[in-house]
Amino acid sequence: MPGNSPGVNPNVPQGLLNRVRGSVTIPLFTAYNITAPYLGREMLQLAFTGDSVEYIENATGATKSPQPYLMSELRCHLLTSQAFADSYKRKMETNSDLGDITVRPDSSKLSPYILRNCSIGGVEQLTFNGRDNGYRLRIRGFYPINSDLYNGAGS
């Protein structure tokens, strides 16, 4: 193939994942910061809903309309066998607000996500059978995107 030198390995280094690096920092409520010792094997899962750009169809094509944010949901697999899960239960019972949070992924090559205006969204089904210690907490907020919109880009 053109461009490949003989004897050169074309493989790209695949990097490293650190199972205990994933964490959640909550500056307004540091007692609720989440680190690996408080998590089950599923640890953290972050999902976004919506599209970063909406396409508005017209007669001959489509017009792009970038969104300023995406809704986010962070699932934190806490442990019912630790009092830390109960602290989140009590937080939800009194005031679910968390403010802004930072989610650090399991790789240093992927920068942290800063989620805004977060709150405890709820807890998934709990199983009390002595074989599942999962307290699957959901944290909702929004993730700012397309920051160039505020600089007049695309106007």
Protein backbone atom coordinates (compact mmCIF):
# COMPACT_ATOMS: atom_id res chain seq x y z
CA MET A 1 0.00 0.00 0.00
CA PRO A 2 1.25 3.51 -0.74
CA GLY A 3 2.63 5.42 2.24
CA ASN A 4 3.46 2.34 4.34
CA SER A 5 7.16 1.75 4.87
CA PRO A 6 8.30 -1.87 5.10
CA GLY A 7 8.91 -2.98 8.67
CA VAL A 8 6.91 -0.14 10.28
CA ASN A 9 4.16 -1.29 12.64
CA PRO A 10 0.95 0.53 11.58
CA ASN A 11 -0.75 -0.13 14.93
CA VAL A 12 -1.60 2.87 17.07
CA PRO A 13 -0.97 2.53 20.84
CA GLN A 14 -4.29 1.64 22.47
CA GLY A 15 -3.73 3.45 25.76
CA LEU A 16 -4.65 2.45 29.28
CA LEU A 17 -7.85 2.41 31.33
CA ASN A 18 -7.63 2.92 35.08
CA ARG A 19 -10.52 1.18 36.86
CA VAL A 20 -10.24 3.38 39.95
CA ARG A 21 -9.83 6.77 38.20
CA GLY A 22 -13.51 7.41 37.45
CA SER A 23 -14.98 9.84 39.97
CA VAL A 24 -17.54 12.57 40.59
CA THR A 25 -16.66 15.85 42.29
CA ILE A 26 -19.45 18.02 43.72
CA PRO A 27 -17.94 21.34 44.87
CA LEU A 28 -21.06 22.58 46.71
CA PHE A 29 -21.42 19.31 48.63
CA THR A 30 -17.98 17.70 48.95
CA ALA A 31 -19.29 15.06 51.37
CA TYR A 32 -21.09 13.58 48.34
CA ASN A 33 -17.99 13.25 46.12
CA ILE A 34 -17.98 9.76 44.59
CA THR A 35 -14.78 7.72 44.21
CA ALA A 36 -14.07 4.08 43.35
CA PRO A 37 -14.29 2.65 46.91
CA TYR A 38 -17.99 3.65 47.01
CA LEU A 39 -18.87 1.99 43.69
CA GLY A 40 -19.89 -1.44 42.45
CA ARG A 41 -18.28 -3.02 39.37
CA GLU A 42 -20.54 -1.05 37.00
CA MET A 43 -19.01 2.13 38.48
CA LEU A 44 -20.15 5.23 36.50
CA GLN A 45 -22.11 5.58 33.27
CA LEU A 46 -22.68 8.94 31.55
CA ALA A 47 -25.26 9.45 28.79
CA PHE A 48 -26.47 12.46 26.83
CA THR A 49 -29.87 12.91 25.17
CA GLY A 50 -30.60 14.94 22.09
CA ASP A 51 -28.48 16.00 19.15
CA SER A 52 -25.72 18.61 19.22
CA VAL A 53 -27.19 20.17 16.08
CA GLU A 54 -30.85 20.22 15.08
CA TYR A 55 -31.63 20.08 11.37
CA ILE A 56 -34.65 22.10 10.30
CA GLU A 57 -35.92 20.79 7.01
CA ASN A 58 -36.94 23.18 4.27
CA ALA A 59 -37.99 22.88 0.61
CA THR A 60 -34.54 22.15 -0.83
CA GLY A 61 -32.41 20.97 2.06
CA ALA A 62 -31.96 21.61 5.75
CA THR A 63 -30.80 24.43 7.98
CA LYS A 64 -28.49 23.64 10.90
CA SER A 65 -29.37 24.98 14.36
CA PRO A 66 -26.65 24.12 16.92
CA GLN A 67 -27.88 23.41 20.43
CA PRO A 68 -26.24 25.18 23.40
CA TYR A 69 -26.52 22.10 25.64
CA LEU A 70 -27.44 18.43 25.90
CA MET A 71 -29.36 16.93 28.80
CA SER A 72 -27.22 14.47 30.74
CA GLU A 73 -27.75 11.54 33.04
CA LEU A 74 -25.02 10.06 35.19
CA ARG A 75 -25.61 6.64 36.71
CA CYS A 76 -23.58 5.95 39.82
CA HIS A 77 -23.59 2.36 41.03
CA LEU A 78 -23.24 2.92 44.78
CA LEU A 79 -23.35 0.12 47.35
CA THR A 80 -26.26 -0.48 49.75
CA SER A 81 -23.73 -2.17 52.02
CA GLN A 82 -22.12 1.22 52.77
CA ALA A 83 -23.55 4.18 54.70
CA PHE A 84 -22.56 6.42 51.77
CA ALA A 85 -25.61 5.20 49.80
CA ASP A 86 -27.82 6.15 52.74
CA SER A 87 -26.34 9.66 52.72
CA TYR A 88 -27.59 10.05 49.13
CA LYS A 89 -30.97 8.62 50.17
CA ARG A 90 -31.23 11.25 52.90
CA LYS A 91 -30.03 14.00 50.54
CA MET A 92 -32.79 13.09 48.08
CA GLU A 93 -35.37 13.09 50.87
CA THR A 94 -34.40 16.62 52.01
CA ASN A 95 -33.06 18.51 48.97
CA SER A 96 -32.05 16.82 45.70
CA ASP A 97 -30.01 19.79 44.41
CA LEU A 98 -26.28 19.17 43.75
CA GLY A 99 -25.25 22.15 41.60
CA ASP A 100 -22.43 21.74 39.09
CA ILE A 101 -20.43 18.51 39.10
CA THR A 102 -17.28 17.20 37.43
CA VAL A 103 -17.16 13.64 36.08
CA ARG A 104 -13.68 12.18 35.56
CA PRO A 105 -13.52 9.21 33.16
CA ASP A 106 -11.37 6.08 33.51
CA SER A 107 -8.72 7.39 31.09
CA SER A 108 -6.43 10.39 31.50
CA LYS A 109 -6.62 10.88 27.71
CA LEU A 110 -10.31 11.90 27.94
CA SER A 111 -10.81 15.23 29.69
CA PRO A 112 -13.41 15.56 32.49
CA TYR A 113 -17.03 16.47 31.81
CA ILE A 114 -18.50 19.42 33.68
CA LEU A 115 -22.24 19.04 34.11
CA ARG A 116 -24.33 22.04 35.13
CA ASN A 117 -27.33 22.51 37.42
CA CYS A 118 -27.41 18.90 38.55
CA SER A 119 -29.77 17.16 40.91
CA ILE A 120 -30.51 13.65 42.08
CA GLY A 121 -32.85 12.28 39.44
CA GLY A 122 -33.78 9.16 41.35
CA VAL A 123 -32.74 5.62 42.17
CA GLU A 124 -33.35 2.58 39.99
CA GLN A 125 -34.99 -0.58 41.29
CA LEU A 126 -33.52 -1.83 44.55
CA THR A 127 -33.22 -5.57 45.18
CA PHE A 128 -33.15 -6.72 48.81
CA ASN A 129 -32.31 -10.41 48.41
CA GLY A 130 -28.88 -10.53 50.00
CA ARG A 131 -27.22 -11.02 46.60
CA ASP A 132 -27.28 -7.52 45.07
CA ASN A 133 -25.83 -4.54 46.88
CA GLY A 134 -26.49 -2.06 44.08
CA TYR A 135 -27.84 1.41 44.86
CA ARG A 136 -28.09 2.72 41.31
CA LEU A 137 -28.27 6.49 41.68
CA ARG A 138 -29.22 8.75 38.74
CA ILE A 139 -27.91 12.32 38.59
CA ARG A 140 -29.40 14.63 35.96
CA GLY A 141 -28.13 17.94 34.61
CA PHE A 142 -27.04 19.53 31.37
CA TYR A 143 -23.79 19.56 29.42
CA PRO A 144 -22.91 22.85 27.70
CA ILE A 145 -21.80 22.41 24.07
CA ASN A 146 -21.21 24.55 20.96
CA SER A 147 -19.70 27.40 23.01
CA ASP A 148 -18.79 29.25 19.81
CA LEU A 149 -22.47 30.21 19.56
CA TYR A 150 -21.79 32.82 22.24
CA ASN A 151 -18.92 34.26 20.19
CA GLY A 152 -21.20 34.99 17.24
CA ALA A 153 -19.97 32.03 15.19
CA GLY A 154 -22.37 31.05 12.45
CA SER A 155 -24.42 34.22 12.74
